[in-house]
Amino acid sequence: DQVLNTKLLQRTLVRLGIPTTSITCVHNGNDVVQKVESQEFDIIFLDHEMPDMNGSEALQIIRSKGYTGQAIGLTGNSRSSSKQKF
């Protein structure tokens, strides 16, 4: 499920004209924080329910470390309460 969602987002971005070489994928919140510390990103897509650390927690940490770029929250959860939290 998580791999499928990642591939779907990657394909969508490529279809929008973003080259594959410009897309970096990670699979948990800790990896997001590490990548943002070592690379520059124009935009970050965060899943609300990532392993180890959710997207909201990861975003708080990377913002506290100075990331000022765009961040888009994603969730596969259809409950409105989950959408509002994120």
PDB file of N, CA and C in Angstrom:
ATOM      1  N   ASP A   1       0.830  -1.198   0.000  1.00  0.00           N
ATOM      2  CA  ASP A   1       0.000   0.000   0.000  1.00  0.00           C
ATOM      3  C   ASP A   1       0.868   1.253   0.000  1.00  0.00           C
ATOM      4  N   GLN A   2       1.816   1.347   0.903  1.00  0.00           N
ATOM      5  CA  GLN A   2       2.645   2.548   0.969  1.00  0.00           C
ATOM      6  C   GLN A   2       3.511   2.688  -0.275  1.00  0.00           C
ATOM      7  N   VAL A   3       4.066   1.586  -0.745  1.00  0.00           N
ATOM      8  CA  VAL A   3       4.891   1.614  -1.952  1.00  0.00           C
ATOM      9  C   VAL A   3       4.040   2.007  -3.147  1.00  0.00           C
ATOM     10  N   LEU A   4       2.828   1.491  -3.214  1.00  0.00           N
ATOM     11  CA  LEU A   4       1.921   1.831  -4.312  1.00  0.00           C
ATOM     12  C   LEU A   4       1.609   3.329  -4.313  1.00  0.00           C
ATOM     13  N   ASN A   5       1.334   3.895  -3.154  1.00  0.00           N
ATOM     14  CA  ASN A   5       1.050   5.329  -3.068  1.00  0.00           C
ATOM     15  C   ASN A   5       2.253   6.162  -3.484  1.00  0.00           C
ATOM     16  N   THR A   6       3.443   5.732  -3.099  1.00  0.00           N
ATOM     17  CA  THR A   6       4.667   6.440  -3.475  1.00  0.00           C
ATOM     18  C   THR A   6       4.843   6.414  -4.988  1.00  0.00           C
ATOM     19  N   LYS A   7       4.653   5.257  -5.593  1.00  0.00           N
ATOM     20  CA  LYS A   7       4.790   5.135  -7.048  1.00  0.00           C
ATOM     21  C   LYS A   7       3.740   5.968  -7.775  1.00  0.00           C
ATOM     22  N   LEU A   8       2.526   6.003  -7.238  1.00  0.00           N
ATOM     23  CA  LEU A   8       1.465   6.804  -7.842  1.00  0.00           C
ATOM     24  C   LEU A   8       1.834   8.285  -7.819  1.00  0.00           C
ATOM     25  N   LEU A   9       2.324   8.761  -6.697  1.00  0.00           N
ATOM     26  CA  LEU A   9       2.725  10.171  -6.610  1.00  0.00           C
ATOM     27  C   LEU A   9       3.893  10.461  -7.544  1.00  0.00           C
ATOM     28  N   GLN A  10       4.874   9.552  -7.596  1.00  0.00           N
ATOM     29  CA  GLN A  10       6.012   9.735  -8.500  1.00  0.00           C
ATOM     30  C   GLN A  10       5.544   9.854  -9.937  1.00  0.00           C
ATOM     31  N   ARG A  11       4.699   8.948 -10.361  1.00  0.00           N
ATOM     32  CA  ARG A  11       4.200   8.978 -11.744  1.00  0.00           C
ATOM     33  C   ARG A  11       3.427  10.256 -12.036  1.00  0.00           C
ATOM     34  N   THR A  12       2.647  10.705 -11.076  1.00  0.00           N
ATOM     35  CA  THR A  12       1.889  11.943 -11.259  1.00  0.00           C
ATOM     36  C   THR A  12       2.836  13.128 -11.446  1.00  0.00           C
ATOM     37  N   LEU A  13       3.868  13.194 -10.624  1.00  0.00           N
ATOM     38  CA  LEU A  13       4.836  14.293 -10.732  1.00  0.00           C
ATOM     39  C   LEU A  13       5.569  14.259 -12.072  1.00  0.00           C
ATOM     40  N   VAL A  14       5.927  13.066 -12.527  1.00  0.00           N
ATOM     41  CA  VAL A  14       6.603  12.927 -13.825  1.00  0.00           C
ATOM     42  C   VAL A  14       5.668  13.385 -14.945  1.00  0.00           C
ATOM     43  N   ARG A  15       4.418  13.006 -14.860  1.00  0.00           N
ATOM     44  CA  ARG A  15       3.445  13.434 -15.881  1.00  0.00           C
ATOM     45  C   ARG A  15       3.241  14.950 -15.882  1.00  0.00           C
ATOM     46  N   LEU A  16       3.495  15.566 -14.741  1.00  0.00           N
ATOM     47  CA  LEU A  16       3.395  17.030 -14.653  1.00  0.00           C
ATOM     48  C   LEU A  16       4.675  17.722 -15.125  1.00  0.00           C
ATOM     49  N   GLY A  17       5.657  16.921 -15.550  1.00  0.00           N
ATOM     50  CA  GLY A  17       6.865  17.492 -16.122  1.00  0.00           C
ATOM     51  C   GLY A  17       8.074  17.537 -15.212  1.00  0.00           C
ATOM     52  N   ILE A  18       7.981  16.940 -14.038  1.00  0.00           N
ATOM     53  CA  ILE A  18       9.120  16.924 -13.123  1.00  0.00           C
ATOM     54  C   ILE A  18       9.966  15.698 -13.445  1.00  0.00           C
ATOM     55  N   PRO A  19      11.254  15.906 -13.763  1.00  0.00           N
ATOM     56  CA  PRO A  19      12.084  14.749 -14.109  1.00  0.00           C
ATOM     57  C   PRO A  19      12.281  13.804 -12.927  1.00  0.00           C
ATOM     58  N   THR A  20      12.353  12.524 -13.219  1.00  0.00           N
ATOM     59  CA  THR A  20      12.536  11.499 -12.187  1.00  0.00           C
ATOM     60  C   THR A  20      13.768  11.782 -11.344  1.00  0.00           C
ATOM     61  N   THR A  21      14.807  12.329 -11.957  1.00  0.00           N
ATOM     62  CA  THR A  21      16.047  12.608 -11.227  1.00  0.00           C
ATOM     63  C   THR A  21      15.882  13.720 -10.199  1.00  0.00           C
ATOM     64  N   SER A  22      14.789  14.459 -10.273  1.00  0.00           N
ATOM     65  CA  SER A  22      14.523  15.539  -9.312  1.00  0.00           C
ATOM     66  C   SER A  22      13.628  15.096  -8.167  1.00  0.00           C
ATOM     67  N   ILE A  23      13.231  13.827  -8.161  1.00  0.00           N
ATOM     68  CA  ILE A  23      12.316  13.309  -7.142  1.00  0.00           C
ATOM     69  C   ILE A  23      13.084  12.412  -6.188  1.00  0.00           C
ATOM     70  N   THR A  24      12.972  12.699  -4.905  1.00  0.00           N
ATOM     71  CA  THR A  24      13.587  11.874  -3.860  1.00  0.00           C
ATOM     72  C   THR A  24      12.473  11.288  -3.005  1.00  0.00           C
ATOM     73  N   CYS A  25      12.499   9.979  -2.816  1.00  0.00           N
ATOM     74  CA  CYS A  25      11.473   9.320  -2.003  1.00  0.00           C
ATOM     75  C   CYS A  25      12.107   8.695  -0.772  1.00  0.00           C
ATOM     76  N   VAL A  26      11.441   8.851   0.344  1.00  0.00           N
ATOM     77  CA  VAL A  26      11.820   8.172   1.582  1.00  0.00           C
ATOM     78  C   VAL A  26      10.553   7.549   2.149  1.00  0.00           C
ATOM     79  N   HIS A  27      10.711   6.653   3.120  1.00  0.00           N
ATOM     80  CA  HIS A  27       9.543   5.906   3.558  1.00  0.00           C
ATOM     81  C   HIS A  27       9.205   6.058   5.032  1.00  0.00           C
ATOM     82  N   ASN A  28       9.870   6.987   5.720  1.00  0.00           N
ATOM     83  CA  ASN A  28       9.463   7.251   7.100  1.00  0.00           C
ATOM     84  C   ASN A  28       9.871   8.661   7.497  1.00  0.00           C
ATOM     85  N   GLY A  29       9.306   9.132   8.590  1.00  0.00           N
ATOM     86  CA  GLY A  29       9.527  10.501   9.038  1.00  0.00           C
ATOM     87  C   GLY A  29      10.965  10.813   9.397  1.00  0.00           C
ATOM     88  N   ASN A  30      11.659   9.857   9.996  1.00  0.00           N
ATOM     89  CA  ASN A  30      13.066  10.093  10.343  1.00  0.00           C
ATOM     90  C   ASN A  30      13.912  10.335   9.101  1.00  0.00           C
ATOM     91  N   ASP A  31      13.633   9.570   8.030  1.00  0.00           N
ATOM     92  CA  ASP A  31      14.375   9.750   6.788  1.00  0.00           C
ATOM     93  C   ASP A  31      14.091  11.111   6.158  1.00  0.00           C
ATOM     94  N   VAL A  32      12.856  11.587   6.290  1.00  0.00           N
ATOM     95  CA  VAL A  32      12.519  12.923   5.782  1.00  0.00           C
ATOM     96  C   VAL A  32      13.403  13.967   6.454  1.00  0.00           C
ATOM     97  N   VAL A  33      13.472  13.909   7.772  1.00  0.00           N
ATOM     98  CA  VAL A  33      14.269  14.883   8.526  1.00  0.00           C
ATOM     99  C   VAL A  33      15.734  14.818   8.097  1.00  0.00           C
ATOM    100  N   GLN A  34      16.282  13.615   7.966  1.00  0.00           N
ATOM    101  CA  GLN A  34      17.681  13.464   7.557  1.00  0.00           C
ATOM    102  C   GLN A  34      17.926  14.013   6.157  1.00  0.00           C
ATOM    103  N   LYS A  35      17.034  13.739   5.218  1.00  0.00           N
ATOM    104  CA  LYS A  35      17.198  14.229   3.848  1.00  0.00           C
ATOM    105  C   LYS A  35      17.155  15.748   3.791  1.00  0.00           C
ATOM    106  N   VAL A  36      16.229  16.347   4.531  1.00  0.00           N
ATOM    107  CA  VAL A  36      16.101  17.806   4.509  1.00  0.00           C
ATOM    108  C   VAL A  36      17.333  18.470   5.124  1.00  0.00           C
ATOM    109  N   GLU A  37      17.963  17.779   6.068  1.00  0.00           N
ATOM    110  CA  GLU A  37      19.191  18.313   6.667  1.00  0.00           C
ATOM    111  C   GLU A  37      20.370  18.259   5.697  1.00  0.00           C
ATOM    112  N   SER A  38      20.326  17.322   4.745  1.00  0.00           N
ATOM    113  CA  SER A  38      21.478  17.136   3.861  1.00  0.00           C
ATOM    114  C   SER A  38      21.261  17.614   2.430  1.00  0.00           C
ATOM    115  N   GLN A  39      20.025  17.931   2.042  1.00  0.00           N
ATOM    116  CA  GLN A  39      19.719  18.371   0.689  1.00  0.00           C
ATOM    117  C   GLN A  39      18.732  19.526   0.733  1.00  0.00           C
ATOM    118  N   GLU A  40      18.692  20.278  -0.367  1.00  0.00           N
ATOM    119  CA  GLU A  40      17.691  21.343  -0.491  1.00  0.00           C
ATOM    120  C   GLU A  40      16.525  20.843  -1.322  1.00  0.00           C
ATOM    121  N   PHE A  41      15.321  21.190  -0.895  1.00  0.00           N
ATOM    122  CA  PHE A  41      14.112  20.791  -1.600  1.00  0.00           C
ATOM    123  C   PHE A  41      13.226  22.014  -1.812  1.00  0.00           C
ATOM    124  N   ASP A  42      12.621  22.093  -3.002  1.00  0.00           N
ATOM    125  CA  ASP A  42      11.671  23.163  -3.285  1.00  0.00           C
ATOM    126  C   ASP A  42      10.312  22.864  -2.665  1.00  0.00           C
ATOM    127  N   ILE A  43       9.971  21.580  -2.632  1.00  0.00           N
ATOM    128  CA  ILE A  43       8.679  21.165  -2.110  1.00  0.00           C
ATOM    129  C   ILE A  43       8.809  19.772  -1.496  1.00  0.00           C
ATOM    130  N   ILE A  44       8.051  19.535  -0.452  1.00  0.00           N
ATOM    131  CA  ILE A  44       8.067  18.240   0.222  1.00  0.00           C
ATOM    132  C   ILE A  44       6.629  17.755   0.361  1.00  0.00           C
ATOM    133  N   PHE A  45       6.409  16.495  -0.010  1.00  0.00           N
ATOM    134  CA  PHE A  45       5.122  15.839   0.201  1.00  0.00           C
ATOM    135  C   PHE A  45       5.277  14.918   1.401  1.00  0.00           C
ATOM    136  N   LEU A  46       4.388  15.045   2.367  1.00  0.00           N
ATOM    137  CA  LEU A  46       4.463  14.263   3.595  1.00  0.00           C
ATOM    138  C   LEU A  46       3.179  13.477   3.804  1.00  0.00           C
ATOM    139  N   ASP A  47       3.335  12.193   4.050  1.00  0.00           N
ATOM    140  CA  ASP A  47       2.179  11.356   4.383  1.00  0.00           C
ATOM    141  C   ASP A  47       1.878  11.516   5.867  1.00  0.00           C
ATOM    142  N   HIS A  48       0.630  11.613   6.198  1.00  0.00           N
ATOM    143  CA  HIS A  48       0.244  11.800   7.592  1.00  0.00           C
ATOM    144  C   HIS A  48       0.624  10.604   8.451  1.00  0.00           C
ATOM    145  N   GLU A  49       0.570   9.403   7.896  1.00  0.00           N
ATOM    146  CA  GLU A  49       0.784   8.199   8.700  1.00  0.00           C
ATOM    147  C   GLU A  49       2.066   7.460   8.319  1.00  0.00           C
ATOM    148  N   MET A  50       3.184   8.174   8.226  1.00  0.00           N
ATOM    149  CA  MET A  50       4.464   7.527   7.940  1.00  0.00           C
ATOM    150  C   MET A  50       4.927   6.734   9.157  1.00  0.00           C
ATOM    151  N   PRO A  51       5.712   5.670   8.924  1.00  0.00           N
ATOM    152  CA  PRO A  51       6.284   4.929  10.049  1.00  0.00           C
ATOM    153  C   PRO A  51       7.292   5.782  10.827  1.00  0.00           C
ATOM    154  N   ASP A  52       7.542   5.424  12.048  1.00  0.00           N
ATOM    155  CA  ASP A  52       8.523   6.056  12.941  1.00  0.00           C
ATOM    156  C   ASP A  52       8.102   7.445  13.421  1.00  0.00           C
ATOM    157  N   MET A  53       7.669   8.284  12.523  1.00  0.00           N
ATOM    158  CA  MET A  53       7.299   9.664  12.863  1.00  0.00           C
ATOM    159  C   MET A  53       6.287  10.107  11.810  1.00  0.00           C
ATOM    160  N   ASN A  54       5.137  10.627  12.235  1.00  0.00           N
ATOM    161  CA  ASN A  54       4.144  11.011  11.237  1.00  0.00           C
ATOM    162  C   ASN A  54       4.525  12.306  10.529  1.00  0.00           C
ATOM    163  N   GLY A  55       3.794  12.626   9.491  1.00  0.00           N
ATOM    164  CA  GLY A  55       4.105  13.800   8.678  1.00  0.00           C
ATOM    165  C   GLY A  55       4.042  15.111   9.441  1.00  0.00           C
ATOM    166  N   SER A  56       3.102  15.245  10.352  1.00  0.00           N
ATOM    167  CA  SER A  56       2.982  16.473  11.144  1.00  0.00           C
ATOM    168  C   SER A  56       4.201  16.670  12.036  1.00  0.00           C
ATOM    169  N   GLU A  57       4.644  15.584  12.668  1.00  0.00           N
ATOM    170  CA  GLU A  57       5.825  15.666  13.541  1.00  0.00           C
ATOM    171  C   GLU A  57       7.083  15.979  12.720  1.00  0.00           C
ATOM    172  N   ALA A  58       7.212  15.311  11.570  1.00  0.00           N
ATOM    173  CA  ALA A  58       8.375  15.553  10.712  1.00  0.00           C
ATOM    174  C   ALA A  58       8.392  17.001  10.236  1.00  0.00           C
ATOM    175  N   LEU A  59       7.234  17.530   9.875  1.00  0.00           N
ATOM    176  CA  LEU A  59       7.162  18.911   9.407  1.00  0.00           C
ATOM    177  C   LEU A  59       7.557  19.888  10.508  1.00  0.00           C
ATOM    178  N   GLN A  60       7.097  19.654  11.719  1.00  0.00           N
ATOM    179  CA  GLN A  60       7.477  20.527  12.835  1.00  0.00           C
ATOM    180  C   GLN A  60       8.992  20.553  13.018  1.00  0.00           C
ATOM    181  N   ILE A  61       9.613  19.387  12.919  1.00  0.00           N
ATOM    182  CA  ILE A  61      11.066  19.307  13.111  1.00  0.00           C
ATOM    183  C   ILE A  61      11.805  20.006  11.984  1.00  0.00           C
ATOM    184  N   ILE A  62      11.418  19.749  10.730  1.00  0.00           N
ATOM    185  CA  ILE A  62      12.166  20.383   9.635  1.00  0.00           C
ATOM    186  C   ILE A  62      11.928  21.892   9.597  1.00  0.00           C
ATOM    187  N   ARG A  63      10.759  22.335   9.997  1.00  0.00           N
ATOM    188  CA  ARG A  63      10.515  23.787  10.090  1.00  0.00           C
ATOM    189  C   ARG A  63      11.399  24.388  11.193  1.00  0.00           C
ATOM    190  N   SER A  64      11.535  23.693  12.315  1.00  0.00           N
ATOM    191  CA  SER A  64      12.361  24.207  13.416  1.00  0.00           C
ATOM    192  C   SER A  64      13.839  24.258  13.030  1.00  0.00           C
ATOM    193  N   LYS A  65      14.215  23.453  12.031  1.00  0.00           N
ATOM    194  CA  LYS A  65      15.602  23.435  11.560  1.00  0.00           C
ATOM    195  C   LYS A  65      15.827  24.398  10.400  1.00  0.00           C
ATOM    196  N   GLY A  66      14.794  25.166  10.054  1.00  0.00           N
ATOM    197  CA  GLY A  66      14.967  26.220   9.067  1.00  0.00           C
ATOM    198  C   GLY A  66      14.392  25.973   7.683  1.00  0.00           C
ATOM    199  N   TYR A  67      13.728  24.855   7.448  1.00  0.00           N
ATOM    200  CA  TYR A  67      13.137  24.624   6.126  1.00  0.00           C
ATOM    201  C   TYR A  67      11.988  25.604   5.921  1.00  0.00           C
ATOM    202  N   THR A  68      12.061  26.386   4.844  1.00  0.00           N
ATOM    203  CA  THR A  68      11.031  27.383   4.572  1.00  0.00           C
ATOM    204  C   THR A  68      10.285  27.109   3.263  1.00  0.00           C
ATOM    205  N   GLY A  69      10.604  25.982   2.628  1.00  0.00           N
ATOM    206  CA  GLY A  69       9.958  25.640   1.359  1.00  0.00           C
ATOM    207  C   GLY A  69       8.525  25.181   1.542  1.00  0.00           C
ATOM    208  N   GLN A  70       7.928  24.825   0.434  1.00  0.00           N
ATOM    209  CA  GLN A  70       6.545  24.359   0.435  1.00  0.00           C
ATOM    210  C   GLN A  70       6.461  22.943   1.006  1.00  0.00           C
ATOM    211  N   ALA A  71       5.379  22.647   1.695  1.00  0.00           N
ATOM    212  CA  ALA A  71       5.117  21.313   2.214  1.00  0.00           C
ATOM    213  C   ALA A  71       3.650  20.985   1.963  1.00  0.00           C
ATOM    214  N   ILE A  72       3.414  19.814   1.412  1.00  0.00           N
ATOM    215  CA  ILE A  72       2.050  19.381   1.122  1.00  0.00           C
ATOM    216  C   ILE A  72       1.793  18.097   1.893  1.00  0.00           C
ATOM    217  N   GLY A  73       0.735  18.105   2.681  1.00  0.00           N
ATOM    218  CA  GLY A  73       0.369  16.929   3.455  1.00  0.00           C
ATOM    219  C   GLY A  73      -0.568  16.028   2.674  1.00  0.00           C
ATOM    220  N   LEU A  74      -0.292  14.734   2.736  1.00  0.00           N
ATOM    221  CA  LEU A  74      -1.115  13.742   2.056  1.00  0.00           C
ATOM    222  C   LEU A  74      -1.627  12.735   3.072  1.00  0.00           C
ATOM    223  N   THR A  75      -2.794  12.197   2.823  1.00  0.00           N
ATOM    224  CA  THR A  75      -3.295  11.110   3.644  1.00  0.00           C
ATOM    225  C   THR A  75      -4.200  10.227   2.805  1.00  0.00           C
ATOM    226  N   GLY A  76      -4.115   8.946   3.041  1.00  0.00           N
ATOM    227  CA  GLY A  76      -5.021   8.006   2.399  1.00  0.00           C
ATOM    228  C   GLY A  76      -6.235   7.743   3.268  1.00  0.00           C
ATOM    229  N   ASN A  77      -6.273   8.395   4.419  1.00  0.00           N
ATOM    230  CA  ASN A  77      -7.356   8.210   5.367  1.00  0.00           C
ATOM    231  C   ASN A  77      -8.504   9.140   4.986  1.00  0.00           C
ATOM    232  N   SER A  78      -9.673   8.599   4.809  1.00  0.00           N
ATOM    233  CA  SER A  78     -10.805   9.400   4.354  1.00  0.00           C
ATOM    234  C   SER A  78     -11.579  10.084   5.479  1.00  0.00           C
ATOM    235  N   ARG A  79     -11.224   9.796   6.729  1.00  0.00           N
ATOM    236  CA  ARG A  79     -11.934  10.443   7.842  1.00  0.00           C
ATOM    237  C   ARG A  79     -11.613  11.937   7.862  1.00  0.00           C
ATOM    238  N   SER A  80     -12.614  12.749   8.007  1.00  0.00           N
ATOM    239  CA  SER A  80     -12.410  14.192   8.000  1.00  0.00           C
ATOM    240  C   SER A  80     -11.537  14.650   9.161  1.00  0.00           C
ATOM    241  N   SER A  81     -11.579  13.954  10.277  1.00  0.00           N
ATOM    242  CA  SER A  81     -10.757  14.354  11.418  1.00  0.00           C
ATOM    243  C   SER A  81      -9.270  14.206  11.098  1.00  0.00           C
ATOM    244  N   SER A  82      -8.913  13.188  10.329  1.00  0.00           N
ATOM    245  CA  SER A  82      -7.518  13.002   9.925  1.00  0.00           C
ATOM    246  C   SER A  82      -7.071  14.108   8.988  1.00  0.00           C
ATOM    247  N   LYS A  83      -7.927  14.508   8.077  1.00  0.00           N
ATOM    248  CA  LYS A  83      -7.603  15.574   7.146  1.00  0.00           C
ATOM    249  C   LYS A  83      -7.400  16.896   7.884  1.00  0.00           C
ATOM    250  N   GLN A  84      -8.252  17.172   8.849  1.00  0.00           N
ATOM    251  CA  GLN A  84      -8.162  18.430   9.590  1.00  0.00           C
ATOM    252  C   GLN A  84      -6.904  18.489  10.446  1.00  0.00           C
ATOM    253  N   LYS A  85      -6.509  17.370  11.034  1.00  0.00           N
ATOM    254  CA  LYS A  85      -5.308  17.349  11.853  1.00  0.00           C
ATOM    255  C   LYS A  85      -4.083  17.701  11.039  1.00  0.00           C
ATOM    256  N   PHE A  86      -4.060  17.222   9.805  1.00  0.00           N
ATOM    257  CA  PHE A  86      -2.895  17.393   8.974  1.00  0.00           C
ATOM    258  C   PHE A  86      -2.963  18.699   8.245  1.00  0.00           C
TER     259      PHE A  86
END
